């Protein structure tokens, strides 16, 4: 992995501010999101926060989010 994606995974998330996704359900199956530099995002499972979060570039996040909104995922 190199380039912008490698930079996202090298970014230290220890001080990240995580928030519950508005798409998380009431059954406490929560997805948490943190903002990263340049508009990128990190996503983790609230029930397993020590598992490595996924990290999305701005364009990946836009595609992922649109897929969710369109019911593709």
C-alpha atoms as a PDB file:
ATOM      1  CA  UNK A   1       0.000   0.000   0.000  1.00  0.00           C
ATOM      2  CA  UNK A   2       1.365   3.392  -0.932  1.00  0.00           C
ATOM      3  CA  UNK A   3       0.277   6.933  -1.717  1.00  0.00           C
ATOM      4  CA  UNK A   4      -2.772   8.578  -0.126  1.00  0.00           C
ATOM      5  CA  UNK A   5      -4.165   5.280   1.183  1.00  0.00           C
ATOM      6  CA  UNK A   6      -0.910   4.493   3.022  1.00  0.00           C
ATOM      7  CA  UNK A   7      -0.997   7.963   4.561  1.00  0.00           C
ATOM      8  CA  UNK A   8      -4.511   7.289   5.899  1.00  0.00           C
ATOM      9  CA  UNK A   9      -3.397   4.048   7.540  1.00  0.00           C
ATOM     10  CA  UNK A  10      -0.299   5.731   8.981  1.00  0.00           C
ATOM     11  CA  UNK A  11      -2.425   8.436  10.621  1.00  0.00           C
ATOM     12  CA  UNK A  12      -2.580   8.039  14.417  1.00  0.00           C
ATOM     13  CA  UNK A  13      -6.188   7.613  15.549  1.00  0.00           C
ATOM     14  CA  UNK A  14      -5.470   7.582  19.289  1.00  0.00           C
ATOM     15  CA  UNK A  15      -6.855  11.119  19.670  1.00  0.00           C
ATOM     16  CA  UNK A  16      -9.602  10.763  17.052  1.00  0.00           C
ATOM     17  CA  UNK A  17     -13.104  11.872  17.963  1.00  0.00           C
ATOM     18  CA  UNK A  18     -15.496   9.051  17.128  1.00  0.00           C
ATOM     19  CA  UNK A  19     -19.210   9.656  16.605  1.00  0.00           C
ATOM     20  CA  UNK A  20     -22.095   7.302  16.046  1.00  0.00           C
ATOM     21  CA  UNK A  21     -23.183   7.116  12.443  1.00  0.00           C
ATOM     22  CA  UNK A  22     -26.643   8.482  11.713  1.00  0.00           C
ATOM     23  CA  UNK A  23     -27.204   5.220   9.802  1.00  0.00           C
ATOM     24  CA  UNK A  24     -26.738   3.103  12.955  1.00  0.00           C
ATOM     25  CA  UNK A  25     -29.863   1.383  14.164  1.00  0.00           C
ATOM     26  CA  UNK A  26     -31.559   1.514  17.550  1.00  0.00           C
ATOM     27  CA  UNK A  27     -30.514  -2.087  18.274  1.00  0.00           C
ATOM     28  CA  UNK A  28     -27.060  -0.828  19.345  1.00  0.00           C
ATOM     29  CA  UNK A  29     -25.262  -2.230  16.302  1.00  0.00           C
ATOM     30  CA  UNK A  30     -23.319   0.974  15.944  1.00  0.00           C
ATOM     31  CA  UNK A  31     -20.876   2.115  13.348  1.00  0.00           C
ATOM     32  CA  UNK A  32     -18.613   4.920  14.491  1.00  0.00           C
ATOM     33  CA  UNK A  33     -16.975   7.456  12.197  1.00  0.00           C
ATOM     34  CA  UNK A  34     -13.989   9.744  12.706  1.00  0.00           C
ATOM     35  CA  UNK A  35     -12.932  12.593  10.447  1.00  0.00           C
ATOM     36  CA  UNK A  36      -9.409  12.385   9.058  1.00  0.00           C
ATOM     37  CA  UNK A  37      -7.302  15.070   7.376  1.00  0.00           C
ATOM     38  CA  UNK A  38      -8.434  16.221   3.962  1.00  0.00           C
ATOM     39  CA  UNK A  39     -12.011  15.006   4.381  1.00  0.00           C
ATOM     40  CA  UNK A  40     -11.126  11.311   4.654  1.00  0.00           C
ATOM     41  CA  UNK A  41     -13.007   9.095   7.128  1.00  0.00           C
ATOM     42  CA  UNK A  42     -12.273   6.190   9.447  1.00  0.00           C
ATOM     43  CA  UNK A  43     -15.014   3.695  10.334  1.00  0.00           C
ATOM     44  CA  UNK A  44     -15.111   1.173  13.172  1.00  0.00           C
ATOM     45  CA  UNK A  45     -17.489  -1.191  14.949  1.00  0.00           C
ATOM     46  CA  UNK A  46     -18.491   0.234  18.349  1.00  0.00           C
ATOM     47  CA  UNK A  47     -18.710  -3.277  19.814  1.00  0.00           C
ATOM     48  CA  UNK A  48     -15.096  -3.991  18.824  1.00  0.00           C
ATOM     49  CA  UNK A  49     -13.254  -0.635  18.860  1.00  0.00           C
ATOM     50  CA  UNK A  50      -9.811  -2.256  19.193  1.00  0.00           C
ATOM     51  CA  UNK A  51     -10.165  -3.932  15.820  1.00  0.00           C
ATOM     52  CA  UNK A  52      -8.489  -1.856  13.152  1.00  0.00           C
ATOM     53  CA  UNK A  53     -10.882   0.648  11.586  1.00  0.00           C
ATOM     54  CA  UNK A  54     -11.412   0.937   7.862  1.00  0.00           C
ATOM     55  CA  UNK A  55     -10.144   4.153   6.319  1.00  0.00           C
ATOM     56  CA  UNK A  56     -11.645   5.828   3.276  1.00  0.00           C
ATOM     57  CA  UNK A  57     -10.274   8.529   0.995  1.00  0.00           C
ATOM     58  CA  UNK A  58     -12.738  11.313   0.126  1.00  0.00           C
ATOM     59  CA  UNK A  59     -13.739   9.653  -3.158  1.00  0.00           C
ATOM     60  CA  UNK A  60     -14.011   6.182  -1.592  1.00  0.00           C
ATOM     61  CA  UNK A  61     -16.207   7.581   1.181  1.00  0.00           C
ATOM     62  CA  UNK A  62     -18.486   9.321  -1.318  1.00  0.00           C
ATOM     63  CA  UNK A  63     -18.883   6.075  -3.296  1.00  0.00           C
ATOM     64  CA  UNK A  64     -19.441   3.970  -0.158  1.00  0.00           C
ATOM     65  CA  UNK A  65     -21.975   6.423   1.245  1.00  0.00           C
ATOM     66  CA  UNK A  66     -23.893   6.625  -2.015  1.00  0.00           C
ATOM     67  CA  UNK A  67     -24.004   2.827  -2.191  1.00  0.00           C
ATOM     68  CA  UNK A  68     -25.577   2.758   1.269  1.00  0.00           C
ATOM     69  CA  UNK A  69     -28.109   5.431   0.367  1.00  0.00           C
ATOM     70  CA  UNK A  70     -28.994   3.591  -2.848  1.00  0.00           C
ATOM     71  CA  UNK A  71     -29.500   0.307  -0.967  1.00  0.00           C
ATOM     72  CA  UNK A  72     -26.643  -1.408  -2.788  1.00  0.00           C
ATOM     73  CA  UNK A  73     -24.885  -2.502   0.415  1.00  0.00           C
END
